[in-house]
Amino acid sequence: MARELAGTTKKKLRSALESERERLSNLIAEHVQEREEARLTETSAERSADPASAEAGSMAFEYEKELSIEQNSVDLLQKVEHALARMDAGLYGTCESCGQRIPVARLEVLPYATLCVTCAAKR
């Protein structure tokens, strides 16, 4: 069984989670703004591609790619927020499935991890 997290380790991991939360929030805001700008540009007379053209297909591909990146960022932000809430509740570093301690090495690599390696491998 992994040992209890030291206060300095928790502080370092909280800082990493908070930095990641800020980075992801900014990334999501940028994607939303870029998507809105693209939508406005697409509907303007300056860029009105024929739906059957290669340009329209390329625009659709880029739009889908951006949505996917944005959704991944939103999902990751939710994991970060969940980890911070667990930290505030005194549950951080404990596997949500089996209740065992999550090794510090895993948390340093994946600070939003809520499952130990064994339980994560089962999912």
Protein backbone atom coordinates (compact mmCIF):
# COMPACT_ATOMS: atom_id res chain seq x y z
CA MET A 1 0.00 0.00 0.00
CA ALA A 2 1.28 3.45 -0.89
CA ARG A 3 1.82 5.84 1.98
CA GLU A 4 -0.13 9.00 2.85
CA LEU A 5 0.72 12.05 0.74
CA ALA A 6 3.02 14.54 2.46
CA GLY A 7 1.81 18.13 2.80
CA THR A 8 4.48 19.45 0.44
CA THR A 9 3.55 16.82 -2.14
CA LYS A 10 -0.13 17.76 -1.90
CA LYS A 11 0.78 21.43 -2.28
CA LYS A 12 2.88 20.69 -5.37
CA LEU A 13 0.12 18.56 -6.90
CA ARG A 14 -2.54 21.20 -6.11
CA SER A 15 -0.38 23.80 -7.85
CA ALA A 16 -0.05 21.51 -10.89
CA LEU A 17 -3.83 20.95 -10.98
CA GLU A 18 -4.59 24.66 -10.64
CA SER A 19 -2.13 25.51 -13.42
CA GLU A 20 -3.70 22.86 -15.64
CA ARG A 21 -7.18 24.20 -14.84
CA GLU A 22 -6.13 27.69 -15.92
CA ARG A 23 -4.43 26.40 -19.09
CA LEU A 24 -7.46 24.34 -20.09
CA SER A 25 -9.93 27.13 -19.32
CA ASN A 26 -7.93 29.49 -21.53
CA LEU A 27 -7.68 26.89 -24.29
CA ILE A 28 -11.43 26.28 -24.23
CA ALA A 29 -12.16 30.02 -24.34
CA GLU A 30 -9.84 30.38 -27.34
CA HIS A 31 -11.56 27.52 -29.16
CA VAL A 32 -14.98 28.99 -28.52
CA GLN A 33 -13.86 32.37 -29.84
CA GLU A 34 -12.17 30.83 -32.90
CA ARG A 35 -15.28 28.79 -33.66
CA GLU A 36 -17.48 31.88 -33.42
CA GLU A 37 -15.12 33.84 -35.68
CA ALA A 38 -15.10 30.98 -38.20
CA ARG A 39 -18.88 30.83 -38.13
CA LEU A 40 -19.14 34.55 -38.77
CA THR A 41 -16.55 34.38 -41.57
CA GLU A 42 -18.31 31.40 -43.15
CA THR A 43 -21.62 33.23 -43.30
CA SER A 44 -20.11 36.43 -44.63
CA ALA A 45 -19.89 37.19 -48.34
CA GLU A 46 -16.09 37.07 -48.13
CA ARG A 47 -16.10 33.29 -47.72
CA SER A 48 -19.11 31.45 -49.02
CA ALA A 49 -17.89 28.12 -50.32
CA ASP A 50 -20.03 25.82 -52.43
CA PRO A 51 -21.03 22.94 -50.09
CA ALA A 52 -19.82 20.43 -52.68
CA SER A 53 -16.41 22.06 -53.15
CA ALA A 54 -13.10 20.86 -51.73
CA GLU A 55 -12.82 24.08 -49.75
CA ALA A 56 -16.11 23.38 -47.98
CA GLY A 57 -14.99 19.83 -47.19
CA SER A 58 -11.73 21.14 -45.80
CA MET A 59 -13.59 23.71 -43.70
CA ALA A 60 -15.90 20.99 -42.35
CA PHE A 61 -12.92 18.80 -41.46
CA GLU A 62 -11.19 21.65 -39.63
CA TYR A 63 -14.40 22.49 -37.78
CA GLU A 64 -14.84 18.88 -36.64
CA LYS A 65 -11.20 18.70 -35.57
CA GLU A 66 -11.55 21.88 -33.51
CA LEU A 67 -14.73 20.58 -31.87
CA SER A 68 -12.95 17.36 -30.96
CA ILE A 69 -10.01 19.21 -29.42
CA GLU A 70 -12.40 21.45 -27.52
CA GLN A 71 -14.41 18.49 -26.20
CA ASN A 72 -11.23 16.73 -25.09
CA SER A 73 -10.19 19.89 -23.26
CA VAL A 74 -13.59 20.13 -21.57
CA ASP A 75 -13.39 16.48 -20.48
CA LEU A 76 -9.89 16.97 -19.10
CA LEU A 77 -10.96 20.15 -17.29
CA GLN A 78 -13.76 18.18 -15.61
CA LYS A 79 -11.22 15.61 -14.42
CA VAL A 80 -8.99 18.37 -13.04
CA GLU A 81 -11.95 20.00 -11.26
CA HIS A 82 -12.97 16.61 -9.83
CA ALA A 83 -9.44 16.00 -8.53
CA LEU A 84 -9.38 19.44 -6.88
CA ALA A 85 -12.77 18.76 -5.26
CA ARG A 86 -11.44 15.43 -3.94
CA MET A 87 -8.41 17.25 -2.60
CA ASP A 88 -10.65 19.75 -0.79
CA ALA A 89 -12.67 16.85 0.64
CA GLY A 90 -9.53 15.07 1.87
CA LEU A 91 -10.00 12.18 -0.57
CA TYR A 92 -7.25 13.04 -3.06
CA GLY A 93 -4.74 10.28 -3.69
CA THR A 94 -7.18 7.50 -2.79
CA CYS A 95 -8.54 5.20 -5.51
CA GLU A 96 -12.25 5.81 -6.08
CA SER A 97 -12.76 2.12 -6.84
CA CYS A 98 -10.78 0.09 -4.31
CA GLY A 99 -9.90 2.72 -1.69
CA GLN A 100 -6.17 2.04 -1.84
CA ARG A 101 -3.65 4.86 -2.01
CA ILE A 102 -2.62 5.98 -5.50
CA PRO A 103 1.20 6.02 -5.70
CA VAL A 104 2.78 9.47 -5.75
CA ALA A 105 4.64 8.60 -8.96
CA ARG A 106 1.29 8.11 -10.73
CA LEU A 107 -0.11 11.37 -9.35
CA GLU A 108 2.99 13.27 -10.43
CA VAL A 109 2.49 12.06 -14.00
CA LEU A 110 -1.31 12.25 -13.95
CA PRO A 111 -2.33 14.61 -11.11
CA TYR A 112 -6.04 14.21 -11.91
CA ALA A 113 -5.89 10.41 -11.54
CA THR A 114 -8.67 9.07 -9.31
CA LEU A 115 -7.95 5.38 -9.85
CA CYS A 116 -4.91 3.28 -9.00
CA VAL A 117 -3.16 1.58 -11.91
CA THR A 118 -4.85 -1.77 -11.22
CA CYS A 119 -8.38 -0.34 -11.19
CA ALA A 120 -7.69 1.93 -14.19
CA ALA A 121 -6.49 -1.10 -16.18
CA LYS A 122 -9.81 -2.86 -15.47
CA ARG A 123 -11.85 -0.08 -17.11
